[in-house]
């Protein structure tokens, strides 16, 4: 088991990688449909993970049993296929800023669901950290303007879908907690992503998203960006996050997702020239403090009867 400080470093790197998905996806949405983008993202992700998966299987000869395969299937449905549907559909109806804040309310749902599903306990310090993090993240993505979240019926519908996406991704982390302790991070990540990608493939075929696509319509930059999303923004980020679950509880690991909008905005400043206001930088400070609060005291597993 890796140490706590190293685990937190891994989580921060994973959040930076996930945060980079927002500006990259924003650019690609002008070129391809949201569902096809999801297929490309996870399809390339599974290809990138496959060599590591094969090495892990051969090295440890640790083949999952049928019960574990079923768990991976459920995780793939929740954390890949369903999550991608809610994310891309929600953002298409709502706004990118709304998507960033609502999708990353996952720590709140994890704090509610984890004690029920995997018997994790959360203390007052972690609760304070979660509330603080949500407030800081709201400030980061909205600049403190609540009206940006409340405009129009389509936006409300999109926000509801994004909330469903946050719940589905929270379930993903909770479902894979015990399998990751048993098998390590690579095997559960590969299986869940493989099942999710198969479902996305079926959905794209059923909706005709593949028709009319030609790689000739992609510039070299587009191709590079898609490969980056699949490898770094998906395979690498999922692998690091799931690796952390072997050392810390899912509530603590998920709390670091409050950093995703922060990293997304900072990367947007660096690469696409956005200039946030002072409220955004205040939010960054609040979010960093919230992560400090949440990891101050380890959660524990209550003994079962």
C-alpha atoms as a PDB file:
ATOM      1  CA  UNK A   1       0.000   0.000   0.000  1.00  0.00           C
ATOM      2  CA  UNK A   2       1.362   3.412  -0.943  1.00  0.00           C
ATOM      3  CA  UNK A   3       1.798   6.161   1.642  1.00  0.00           C
ATOM      4  CA  UNK A   4      -0.710   8.893   2.356  1.00  0.00           C
ATOM      5  CA  UNK A   5       1.363  11.807   0.990  1.00  0.00           C
ATOM      6  CA  UNK A   6       2.087   9.901  -2.208  1.00  0.00           C
ATOM      7  CA  UNK A   7      -1.583   9.002  -2.554  1.00  0.00           C
ATOM      8  CA  UNK A   8      -2.590  12.658  -2.248  1.00  0.00           C
ATOM      9  CA  UNK A   9      -0.018  13.571  -4.903  1.00  0.00           C
ATOM     10  CA  UNK A  10      -1.497  10.915  -7.196  1.00  0.00           C
ATOM     11  CA  UNK A  11      -4.983  12.314  -6.609  1.00  0.00           C
ATOM     12  CA  UNK A  12      -3.905  15.876  -7.406  1.00  0.00           C
ATOM     13  CA  UNK A  13      -2.296  14.703 -10.673  1.00  0.00           C
ATOM     14  CA  UNK A  14      -5.485  12.808 -11.561  1.00  0.00           C
ATOM     15  CA  UNK A  15      -7.603  15.902 -10.900  1.00  0.00           C
ATOM     16  CA  UNK A  16      -5.355  18.037 -13.129  1.00  0.00           C
ATOM     17  CA  UNK A  17      -5.714  15.431 -15.892  1.00  0.00           C
ATOM     18  CA  UNK A  18      -9.505  15.343 -15.493  1.00  0.00           C
ATOM     19  CA  UNK A  19      -9.638  19.144 -15.366  1.00  0.00           C
ATOM     20  CA  UNK A  20      -7.897  19.324 -18.725  1.00  0.00           C
ATOM     21  CA  UNK A  21     -10.831  17.436 -20.266  1.00  0.00           C
ATOM     22  CA  UNK A  22     -13.082  20.523 -20.067  1.00  0.00           C
ATOM     23  CA  UNK A  23     -11.119  22.943 -22.317  1.00  0.00           C
ATOM     24  CA  UNK A  24     -10.177  20.080 -24.658  1.00  0.00           C
ATOM     25  CA  UNK A  25     -13.782  18.893 -24.959  1.00  0.00           C
ATOM     26  CA  UNK A  26     -15.001  22.445 -25.475  1.00  0.00           C
ATOM     27  CA  UNK A  27     -12.804  22.674 -28.555  1.00  0.00           C
ATOM     28  CA  UNK A  28     -13.791  19.260 -29.944  1.00  0.00           C
ATOM     29  CA  UNK A  29     -17.546  19.779 -29.541  1.00  0.00           C
ATOM     30  CA  UNK A  30     -17.407  22.145 -32.499  1.00  0.00           C
ATOM     31  CA  UNK A  31     -16.110  19.268 -34.668  1.00  0.00           C
ATOM     32  CA  UNK A  32     -18.026  16.124 -33.612  1.00  0.00           C
ATOM     33  CA  UNK A  33     -21.210  15.097 -31.793  1.00  0.00           C
ATOM     34  CA  UNK A  34     -21.108  14.697 -28.007  1.00  0.00           C
ATOM     35  CA  UNK A  35     -21.854  10.966 -28.055  1.00  0.00           C
ATOM     36  CA  UNK A  36     -19.246  10.241 -30.686  1.00  0.00           C
ATOM     37  CA  UNK A  37     -16.763  12.258 -28.633  1.00  0.00           C
ATOM     38  CA  UNK A  38     -17.578  10.069 -25.623  1.00  0.00           C
ATOM     39  CA  UNK A  39     -17.026   6.928 -27.687  1.00  0.00           C
ATOM     40  CA  UNK A  40     -13.648   8.183 -28.941  1.00  0.00           C
ATOM     41  CA  UNK A  41     -12.581   9.241 -25.462  1.00  0.00           C
ATOM     42  CA  UNK A  42     -13.296   5.906 -23.796  1.00  0.00           C
ATOM     43  CA  UNK A  43     -12.443   3.801 -26.845  1.00  0.00           C
ATOM     44  CA  UNK A  44      -8.926   5.221 -26.963  1.00  0.00           C
ATOM     45  CA  UNK A  45      -8.783   4.977 -23.183  1.00  0.00           C
ATOM     46  CA  UNK A  46      -9.420   1.225 -23.241  1.00  0.00           C
ATOM     47  CA  UNK A  47      -6.801   0.736 -25.964  1.00  0.00           C
ATOM     48  CA  UNK A  48      -4.261   2.640 -23.851  1.00  0.00           C
ATOM     49  CA  UNK A  49      -5.051   0.529 -20.773  1.00  0.00           C
ATOM     50  CA  UNK A  50      -4.974  -2.865 -22.509  1.00  0.00           C
ATOM     51  CA  UNK A  51      -1.149  -3.428 -22.448  1.00  0.00           C
ATOM     52  CA  UNK A  52      -1.066  -2.681 -18.699  1.00  0.00           C
ATOM     53  CA  UNK A  53      -4.054  -4.970 -18.177  1.00  0.00           C
ATOM     54  CA  UNK A  54      -2.417  -7.889 -20.024  1.00  0.00           C
ATOM     55  CA  UNK A  55       0.838  -7.490 -18.087  1.00  0.00           C
ATOM     56  CA  UNK A  56      -1.082  -7.378 -14.789  1.00  0.00           C
ATOM     57  CA  UNK A  57      -3.081 -10.506 -15.613  1.00  0.00           C
ATOM     58  CA  UNK A  58       0.038 -12.474 -16.647  1.00  0.00           C
ATOM     59  CA  UNK A  59       2.147 -11.238 -13.747  1.00  0.00           C
ATOM     60  CA  UNK A  60      -0.275 -12.012 -10.938  1.00  0.00           C
ATOM     61  CA  UNK A  61      -2.476 -14.652 -12.608  1.00  0.00           C
ATOM     62  CA  UNK A  62      -5.345 -12.976 -10.761  1.00  0.00           C
ATOM     63  CA  UNK A  63      -8.371 -13.561 -12.954  1.00  0.00           C
ATOM     64  CA  UNK A  64     -11.615 -12.078 -11.627  1.00  0.00           C
ATOM     65  CA  UNK A  65     -14.430 -14.455 -10.718  1.00  0.00           C
ATOM     66  CA  UNK A  66     -17.923 -14.165 -12.185  1.00  0.00           C
ATOM     67  CA  UNK A  67     -19.198 -12.106  -9.247  1.00  0.00           C
ATOM     68  CA  UNK A  68     -16.402  -9.569  -9.721  1.00  0.00           C
ATOM     69  CA  UNK A  69     -17.106  -9.402 -13.476  1.00  0.00           C
ATOM     70  CA  UNK A  70     -20.716  -8.509 -12.666  1.00  0.00           C
ATOM     71  CA  UNK A  71     -19.491  -5.762 -10.316  1.00  0.00           C
ATOM     72  CA  UNK A  72     -17.234  -4.408 -13.100  1.00  0.00           C
ATOM     73  CA  UNK A  73     -20.181  -4.424 -15.509  1.00  0.00           C
ATOM     74  CA  UNK A  74     -22.311  -2.403 -13.082  1.00  0.00           C
ATOM     75  CA  UNK A  75     -19.412   0.007 -12.520  1.00  0.00           C
ATOM     76  CA  UNK A  76     -18.956   0.406 -16.280  1.00  0.00           C
ATOM     77  CA  UNK A  77     -22.621   1.196 -16.714  1.00  0.00           C
ATOM     78  CA  UNK A  78     -22.591   3.778 -13.909  1.00  0.00           C
ATOM     79  CA  UNK A  79     -19.161   5.371 -14.327  1.00  0.00           C
ATOM     80  CA  UNK A  80     -18.662   5.250 -18.101  1.00  0.00           C
ATOM     81  CA  UNK A  81     -21.787   4.754 -20.250  1.00  0.00           C
ATOM     82  CA  UNK A  82     -24.481   6.366 -18.084  1.00  0.00           C
ATOM     83  CA  UNK A  83     -22.089   9.024 -16.802  1.00  0.00           C
ATOM     84  CA  UNK A  84     -21.080   9.970 -20.357  1.00  0.00           C
ATOM     85  CA  UNK A  85     -24.740  10.187 -21.417  1.00  0.00           C
ATOM     86  CA  UNK A  86     -25.705  12.442 -18.505  1.00  0.00           C
ATOM     87  CA  UNK A  87     -22.555  14.568 -18.855  1.00  0.00           C
ATOM     88  CA  UNK A  88     -22.725  15.296 -22.574  1.00  0.00           C
ATOM     89  CA  UNK A  89     -26.519  15.578 -22.765  1.00  0.00           C
ATOM     90  CA  UNK A  90     -26.606  17.759 -19.658  1.00  0.00           C
ATOM     91  CA  UNK A  91     -23.918  20.104 -20.957  1.00  0.00           C
ATOM     92  CA  UNK A  92     -25.660  20.345 -24.344  1.00  0.00           C
ATOM     93  CA  UNK A  93     -28.864  21.513 -22.622  1.00  0.00           C
ATOM     94  CA  UNK A  94     -27.223  23.544 -19.877  1.00  0.00           C
ATOM     95  CA  UNK A  95     -23.814  25.259 -19.940  1.00  0.00           C
ATOM     96  CA  UNK A  96     -20.206  24.163 -19.580  1.00  0.00           C
ATOM     97  CA  UNK A  97     -19.905  26.126 -16.321  1.00  0.00           C
ATOM     98  CA  UNK A  98     -22.985  24.449 -14.895  1.00  0.00           C
ATOM     99  CA  UNK A  99     -21.587  21.085 -15.960  1.00  0.00           C
ATOM    100  CA  UNK A 100     -18.319  21.759 -14.212  1.00  0.00           C
ATOM    101  CA  UNK A 101     -19.915  22.669 -10.888  1.00  0.00           C
ATOM    102  CA  UNK A 102     -22.762  20.136 -10.847  1.00  0.00           C
ATOM    103  CA  UNK A 103     -20.849  17.078 -12.051  1.00  0.00           C
ATOM    104  CA  UNK A 104     -18.233  17.701  -9.384  1.00  0.00           C
ATOM    105  CA  UNK A 105     -20.727  17.678  -6.540  1.00  0.00           C
ATOM    106  CA  UNK A 106     -19.785  13.982  -6.409  1.00  0.00           C
ATOM    107  CA  UNK A 107     -18.161  14.308  -2.940  1.00  0.00           C
ATOM    108  CA  UNK A 108     -21.520  15.327  -1.502  1.00  0.00           C
ATOM    109  CA  UNK A 109     -23.285  12.272  -2.921  1.00  0.00           C
ATOM    110  CA  UNK A 110     -20.378  10.009  -1.981  1.00  0.00           C
ATOM    111  CA  UNK A 111     -20.533  11.243   1.618  1.00  0.00           C
ATOM    112  CA  UNK A 112     -24.234  10.347   1.648  1.00  0.00           C
ATOM    113  CA  UNK A 113     -24.016   6.990  -0.163  1.00  0.00           C
ATOM    114  CA  UNK A 114     -20.714   5.537   1.110  1.00  0.00           C
ATOM    115  CA  UNK A 115     -21.904   5.015   4.711  1.00  0.00           C
ATOM    116  CA  UNK A 116     -24.931   3.149   3.327  1.00  0.00           C
ATOM    117  CA  UNK A 117     -23.144   1.004   0.729  1.00  0.00           C
ATOM    118  CA  UNK A 118     -19.600   0.345   2.014  1.00  0.00           C
ATOM    119  CA  UNK A 119     -19.966   1.273   5.686  1.00  0.00           C
ATOM    120  CA  UNK A 120     -17.653   4.257   5.651  1.00  0.00           C
ATOM    121  CA  UNK A 121     -18.085   6.811   8.405  1.00  0.00           C
ATOM    122  CA  UNK A 122     -17.544  10.523   7.917  1.00  0.00           C
ATOM    123  CA  UNK A 123     -16.787  12.963  10.717  1.00  0.00           C
ATOM    124  CA  UNK A 124     -17.629  16.583  11.353  1.00  0.00           C
ATOM    125  CA  UNK A 125     -14.321  17.816   9.902  1.00  0.00           C
ATOM    126  CA  UNK A 126     -14.991  16.052   6.595  1.00  0.00           C
ATOM    127  CA  UNK A 127     -18.561  17.377   6.486  1.00  0.00           C
ATOM    128  CA  UNK A 128     -17.259  20.914   7.006  1.00  0.00           C
ATOM    129  CA  UNK A 129     -14.687  20.326   4.268  1.00  0.00           C
ATOM    130  CA  UNK A 130     -17.316  19.089   1.814  1.00  0.00           C
ATOM    131  CA  UNK A 131     -19.555  22.104   2.432  1.00  0.00           C
ATOM    132  CA  UNK A 132     -16.585  24.451   2.126  1.00  0.00           C
ATOM    133  CA  UNK A 133     -15.436  22.769  -1.074  1.00  0.00           C
ATOM    134  CA  UNK A 134     -18.855  23.011  -2.672  1.00  0.00           C
ATOM    135  CA  UNK A 135     -19.015  26.730  -1.822  1.00  0.00           C
ATOM    136  CA  UNK A 136     -15.548  27.336  -3.236  1.00  0.00           C
ATOM    137  CA  UNK A 137     -16.229  25.349  -6.395  1.00  0.00           C
ATOM    138  CA  UNK A 138     -19.464  27.285  -6.970  1.00  0.00           C
ATOM    139  CA  UNK A 139     -17.513  30.524  -6.660  1.00  0.00           C
ATOM    140  CA  UNK A 140     -14.856  29.286  -9.094  1.00  0.00           C
ATOM    141  CA  UNK A 141     -17.192  28.324 -11.930  1.00  0.00           C
ATOM    142  CA  UNK A 142     -19.840  31.059 -11.570  1.00  0.00           C
ATOM    143  CA  UNK A 143     -17.924  34.036 -10.246  1.00  0.00           C
ATOM    144  CA  UNK A 144     -20.505  34.189  -7.445  1.00  0.00           C
ATOM    145  CA  UNK A 145     -23.388  34.901  -9.840  1.00  0.00           C
ATOM    146  CA  UNK A 146     -26.252  32.540  -8.936  1.00  0.00           C
ATOM    147  CA  UNK A 147     -28.321  33.802 -11.883  1.00  0.00           C
ATOM    148  CA  UNK A 148     -25.954  31.973 -14.251  1.00  0.00           C
ATOM    149  CA  UNK A 149     -27.415  28.692 -12.929  1.00  0.00           C
ATOM    150  CA  UNK A 150     -31.084  29.607 -13.220  1.00  0.00           C
ATOM    151  CA  UNK A 151     -31.817  30.644 -16.799  1.00  0.00           C
ATOM    152  CA  UNK A 152     -34.382  28.749 -18.859  1.00  0.00           C
ATOM    153  CA  UNK A 153     -36.253  25.424 -18.867  1.00  0.00           C
ATOM    154  CA  UNK A 154     -33.656  23.590 -20.950  1.00  0.00           C
ATOM    155  CA  UNK A 155     -30.968  24.657 -18.527  1.00  0.00           C
ATOM    156  CA  UNK A 156     -32.984  23.319 -15.582  1.00  0.00           C
ATOM    157  CA  UNK A 157     -33.471  20.000 -17.395  1.00  0.00           C
ATOM    158  CA  UNK A 158     -29.762  19.889 -18.206  1.00  0.00           C
ATOM    159  CA  UNK A 159     -28.883  20.596 -14.577  1.00  0.00           C
ATOM    160  CA  UNK A 160     -31.037  17.664 -13.431  1.00  0.00           C
ATOM    161  CA  UNK A 161     -29.208  15.364 -15.879  1.00  0.00           C
ATOM    162  CA  UNK A 162     -25.861  16.656 -14.631  1.00  0.00           C
ATOM    163  CA  UNK A 163     -26.890  15.907 -11.052  1.00  0.00           C
ATOM    164  CA  UNK A 164     -27.744  12.369 -12.171  1.00  0.00           C
ATOM    165  CA  UNK A 165     -24.262  12.189 -13.705  1.00  0.00           C
ATOM    166  CA  UNK A 166     -22.715  13.198 -10.391  1.00  0.00           C
ATOM    167  CA  UNK A 167     -24.642  10.418  -8.639  1.00  0.00           C
ATOM    168  CA  UNK A 168     -23.626   7.824 -11.245  1.00  0.00           C
ATOM    169  CA  UNK A 169     -19.936   8.717 -10.929  1.00  0.00           C
ATOM    170  CA  UNK A 170     -20.164   8.617  -7.124  1.00  0.00           C
ATOM    171  CA  UNK A 171     -21.587   5.102  -7.380  1.00  0.00           C
ATOM    172  CA  UNK A 172     -18.688   4.138  -9.672  1.00  0.00           C
ATOM    173  CA  UNK A 173     -16.083   4.943  -7.021  1.00  0.00           C
ATOM    174  CA  UNK A 174     -18.064   3.246  -4.265  1.00  0.00           C
ATOM    175  CA  UNK A 175     -18.738   0.091  -6.313  1.00  0.00           C
ATOM    176  CA  UNK A 176     -15.058  -0.375  -7.212  1.00  0.00           C
ATOM    177  CA  UNK A 177     -13.674   0.269  -3.718  1.00  0.00           C
ATOM    178  CA  UNK A 178     -13.507  -3.370  -2.591  1.00  0.00           C
ATOM    179  CA  UNK A 179     -12.523  -4.883  -5.999  1.00  0.00           C
ATOM    180  CA  UNK A 180      -9.593  -2.452  -6.194  1.00  0.00           C
ATOM    181  CA  UNK A 181      -8.367  -3.586  -2.786  1.00  0.00           C
ATOM    182  CA  UNK A 182      -8.597  -7.199  -4.024  1.00  0.00           C
ATOM    183  CA  UNK A 183      -7.275  -6.882  -7.594  1.00  0.00           C
ATOM    184  CA  UNK A 184      -5.354  -3.589  -7.678  1.00  0.00           C
ATOM    185  CA  UNK A 185      -6.353  -0.617  -9.803  1.00  0.00           C
ATOM    186  CA  UNK A 186      -5.609  -1.835 -13.346  1.00  0.00           C
ATOM    187  CA  UNK A 187      -7.942  -4.839 -13.626  1.00  0.00           C
ATOM    188  CA  UNK A 188     -11.138  -3.159 -12.292  1.00  0.00           C
ATOM    189  CA  UNK A 189     -10.429  -0.010 -14.325  1.00  0.00           C
ATOM    190  CA  UNK A 190      -9.948  -1.956 -17.559  1.00  0.00           C
ATOM    191  CA  UNK A 191     -13.023  -4.147 -17.168  1.00  0.00           C
ATOM    192  CA  UNK A 192     -15.340  -1.299 -16.161  1.00  0.00           C
ATOM    193  CA  UNK A 193     -14.100   0.917 -18.986  1.00  0.00           C
ATOM    194  CA  UNK A 194     -14.366  -1.951 -21.483  1.00  0.00           C
ATOM    195  CA  UNK A 195     -17.998  -2.668 -20.554  1.00  0.00           C
ATOM    196  CA  UNK A 196     -18.843   1.034 -20.650  1.00  0.00           C
ATOM    197  CA  UNK A 197     -17.210   1.475 -24.045  1.00  0.00           C
ATOM    198  CA  UNK A 198     -19.156  -1.478 -25.472  1.00  0.00           C
ATOM    199  CA  UNK A 199     -22.393   0.146 -24.337  1.00  0.00           C
ATOM    200  CA  UNK A 200     -21.327   3.483 -25.862  1.00  0.00           C
ATOM    201  CA  UNK A 201     -20.543   1.683 -29.127  1.00  0.00           C
ATOM    202  CA  UNK A 202     -24.010   0.118 -29.222  1.00  0.00           C
ATOM    203  CA  UNK A 203     -25.603   3.483 -28.471  1.00  0.00           C
ATOM    204  CA  UNK A 204     -23.639   5.234 -31.246  1.00  0.00           C
ATOM    205  CA  UNK A 205     -24.617   2.544 -33.745  1.00  0.00           C
ATOM    206  CA  UNK A 206     -28.278   2.763 -32.712  1.00  0.00           C
ATOM    207  CA  UNK A 207     -28.353   6.563 -33.062  1.00  0.00           C
ATOM    208  CA  UNK A 208     -26.339   6.653 -36.303  1.00  0.00           C
ATOM    209  CA  UNK A 209     -23.527   8.733 -34.799  1.00  0.00           C
ATOM    210  CA  UNK A 210     -20.916   6.836 -36.831  1.00  0.00           C
ATOM    211  CA  UNK A 211     -22.475   7.745 -40.160  1.00  0.00           C
ATOM    212  CA  UNK A 212     -20.770  10.497 -42.067  1.00  0.00           C
ATOM    213  CA  UNK A 213     -17.625  10.442 -39.946  1.00  0.00           C
ATOM    214  CA  UNK A 214     -14.299  10.596 -41.761  1.00  0.00           C
ATOM    215  CA  UNK A 215     -10.866  10.933 -40.216  1.00  0.00           C
ATOM    216  CA  UNK A 216     -10.004  13.177 -43.180  1.00  0.00           C
ATOM    217  CA  UNK A 217     -12.193  15.847 -41.604  1.00  0.00           C
ATOM    218  CA  UNK A 218      -9.879  15.910 -38.588  1.00  0.00           C
ATOM    219  CA  UNK A 219      -6.799  18.103 -38.502  1.00  0.00           C
ATOM    220  CA  UNK A 220      -3.602  16.758 -36.949  1.00  0.00           C
ATOM    221  CA  UNK A 221      -4.328  18.904 -33.906  1.00  0.00           C
ATOM    222  CA  UNK A 222      -7.826  17.367 -33.594  1.00  0.00           C
ATOM    223  CA  UNK A 223      -6.366  13.863 -33.751  1.00  0.00           C
ATOM    224  CA  UNK A 224      -3.719  14.726 -31.164  1.00  0.00           C
ATOM    225  CA  UNK A 225      -6.361  16.188 -28.871  1.00  0.00           C
ATOM    226  CA  UNK A 226      -8.593  13.109 -29.143  1.00  0.00           C
ATOM    227  CA  UNK A 227      -5.635  10.849 -28.352  1.00  0.00           C
ATOM    228  CA  UNK A 228      -4.786  13.055 -25.371  1.00  0.00           C
ATOM    229  CA  UNK A 229      -8.372  12.857 -24.069  1.00  0.00           C
ATOM    230  CA  UNK A 230      -8.373   9.079 -24.349  1.00  0.00           C
ATOM    231  CA  UNK A 231      -4.958   8.463 -22.829  1.00  0.00           C
ATOM    232  CA  UNK A 232      -4.201  11.213 -20.289  1.00  0.00           C
ATOM    233  CA  UNK A 233      -7.703  12.600 -19.642  1.00  0.00           C
ATOM    234  CA  UNK A 234      -9.331   9.169 -19.380  1.00  0.00           C
ATOM    235  CA  UNK A 235      -7.105   6.068 -18.995  1.00  0.00           C
ATOM    236  CA  UNK A 236      -4.381   7.812 -16.979  1.00  0.00           C
ATOM    237  CA  UNK A 237      -6.815   9.783 -14.785  1.00  0.00           C
ATOM    238  CA  UNK A 238      -9.134   6.825 -14.065  1.00  0.00           C
ATOM    239  CA  UNK A 239      -6.138   4.601 -13.302  1.00  0.00           C
ATOM    240  CA  UNK A 240      -4.612   7.071 -10.852  1.00  0.00           C
ATOM    241  CA  UNK A 241      -7.922   7.737  -9.108  1.00  0.00           C
ATOM    242  CA  UNK A 242      -8.671   4.034  -8.738  1.00  0.00           C
ATOM    243  CA  UNK A 243      -5.112   3.423  -7.512  1.00  0.00           C
ATOM    244  CA  UNK A 244      -5.728   5.920  -4.703  1.00  0.00           C
ATOM    245  CA  UNK A 245      -8.763   3.912  -3.549  1.00  0.00           C
ATOM    246  CA  UNK A 246      -6.382   1.170  -2.468  1.00  0.00           C
ATOM    247  CA  UNK A 247      -4.901   3.475   0.178  1.00  0.00           C
ATOM    248  CA  UNK A 248      -7.618   5.936   1.211  1.00  0.00           C
ATOM    249  CA  UNK A 249     -11.360   5.718   1.619  1.00  0.00           C
ATOM    250  CA  UNK A 250     -13.636   6.660  -1.237  1.00  0.00           C
ATOM    251  CA  UNK A 251     -15.013   9.735   0.585  1.00  0.00           C
ATOM    252  CA  UNK A 252     -11.533  11.252   0.883  1.00  0.00           C
ATOM    253  CA  UNK A 253     -10.496  10.344  -2.680  1.00  0.00           C
ATOM    254  CA  UNK A 254     -13.715  11.731  -4.158  1.00  0.00           C
ATOM    255  CA  UNK A 255     -13.330  14.961  -2.194  1.00  0.00           C
ATOM    256  CA  UNK A 256     -10.298  15.790  -4.323  1.00  0.00           C
ATOM    257  CA  UNK A 257     -12.668  16.133  -7.299  1.00  0.00           C
ATOM    258  CA  UNK A 258     -13.429  19.610  -5.988  1.00  0.00           C
ATOM    259  CA  UNK A 259     -10.053  20.447  -7.588  1.00  0.00           C
ATOM    260  CA  UNK A 260     -11.234  19.538 -11.106  1.00  0.00           C
ATOM    261  CA  UNK A 261     -12.930  22.872 -11.920  1.00  0.00           C
ATOM    262  CA  UNK A 262      -9.930  24.663 -10.417  1.00  0.00           C
ATOM    263  CA  UNK A 263      -7.455  22.845 -12.659  1.00  0.00           C
ATOM    264  CA  UNK A 264      -9.787  23.256 -15.635  1.00  0.00           C
ATOM    265  CA  UNK A 265      -9.927  27.025 -15.212  1.00  0.00           C
ATOM    266  CA  UNK A 266      -6.183  27.357 -14.646  1.00  0.00           C
ATOM    267  CA  UNK A 267      -5.473  25.311 -17.774  1.00  0.00           C
ATOM    268  CA  UNK A 268      -7.928  27.473 -19.709  1.00  0.00           C
ATOM    269  CA  UNK A 269      -5.961  30.539 -18.601  1.00  0.00           C
ATOM    270  CA  UNK A 270      -2.718  28.974 -19.789  1.00  0.00           C
ATOM    271  CA  UNK A 271      -3.852  27.481 -23.098  1.00  0.00           C
ATOM    272  CA  UNK A 272      -6.891  29.370 -24.387  1.00  0.00           C
ATOM    273  CA  UNK A 273      -6.289  32.785 -22.848  1.00  0.00           C
ATOM    274  CA  UNK A 274      -9.271  33.101 -20.500  1.00  0.00           C
ATOM    275  CA  UNK A 275      -8.967  35.745 -17.750  1.00  0.00           C
ATOM    276  CA  UNK A 276     -11.014  34.902 -14.610  1.00  0.00           C
ATOM    277  CA  UNK A 277     -12.028  37.582 -12.124  1.00  0.00           C
ATOM    278  CA  UNK A 278     -10.927  37.950  -8.518  1.00  0.00           C
ATOM    279  CA  UNK A 279     -13.837  35.807  -7.259  1.00  0.00           C
ATOM    280  CA  UNK A 280     -12.451  32.829  -9.172  1.00  0.00           C
ATOM    281  CA  UNK A 281      -9.069  33.076  -7.478  1.00  0.00           C
ATOM    282  CA  UNK A 282     -10.826  33.398  -4.108  1.00  0.00           C
ATOM    283  CA  UNK A 283     -12.684  30.198  -4.934  1.00  0.00           C
ATOM    284  CA  UNK A 284      -9.420  28.431  -5.728  1.00  0.00           C
ATOM    285  CA  UNK A 285      -8.111  29.230  -2.258  1.00  0.00           C
ATOM    286  CA  UNK A 286     -11.346  28.008  -0.637  1.00  0.00           C
ATOM    287  CA  UNK A 287     -11.262  24.729  -2.589  1.00  0.00           C
ATOM    288  CA  UNK A 288      -7.656  24.028  -1.631  1.00  0.00           C
ATOM    289  CA  UNK A 289      -8.573  24.644   2.024  1.00  0.00           C
ATOM    290  CA  UNK A 290     -11.547  22.282   1.753  1.00  0.00           C
ATOM    291  CA  UNK A 291      -9.320  19.447   0.528  1.00  0.00           C
ATOM    292  CA  UNK A 292      -7.031  20.113   3.502  1.00  0.00           C
ATOM    293  CA  UNK A 293     -10.023  19.759   5.854  1.00  0.00           C
ATOM    294  CA  UNK A 294     -11.342  16.577   4.275  1.00  0.00           C
ATOM    295  CA  UNK A 295      -8.029  14.727   4.474  1.00  0.00           C
ATOM    296  CA  UNK A 296      -7.237  15.864   8.029  1.00  0.00           C
ATOM    297  CA  UNK A 297      -8.792  12.811   9.629  1.00  0.00           C
ATOM    298  CA  UNK A 298      -9.071   9.361   8.084  1.00  0.00           C
ATOM    299  CA  UNK A 299     -12.500   7.819   7.765  1.00  0.00           C
ATOM    300  CA  UNK A 300     -12.870   4.243   8.880  1.00  0.00           C
ATOM    301  CA  UNK A 301     -14.947   1.150   8.156  1.00  0.00           C
ATOM    302  CA  UNK A 302     -17.550   0.299  10.757  1.00  0.00           C
ATOM    303  CA  UNK A 303     -17.552  -3.334  11.760  1.00  0.00           C
ATOM    304  CA  UNK A 304     -20.419  -5.296  10.282  1.00  0.00           C
ATOM    305  CA  UNK A 305     -22.736  -7.494  12.251  1.00  0.00           C
END
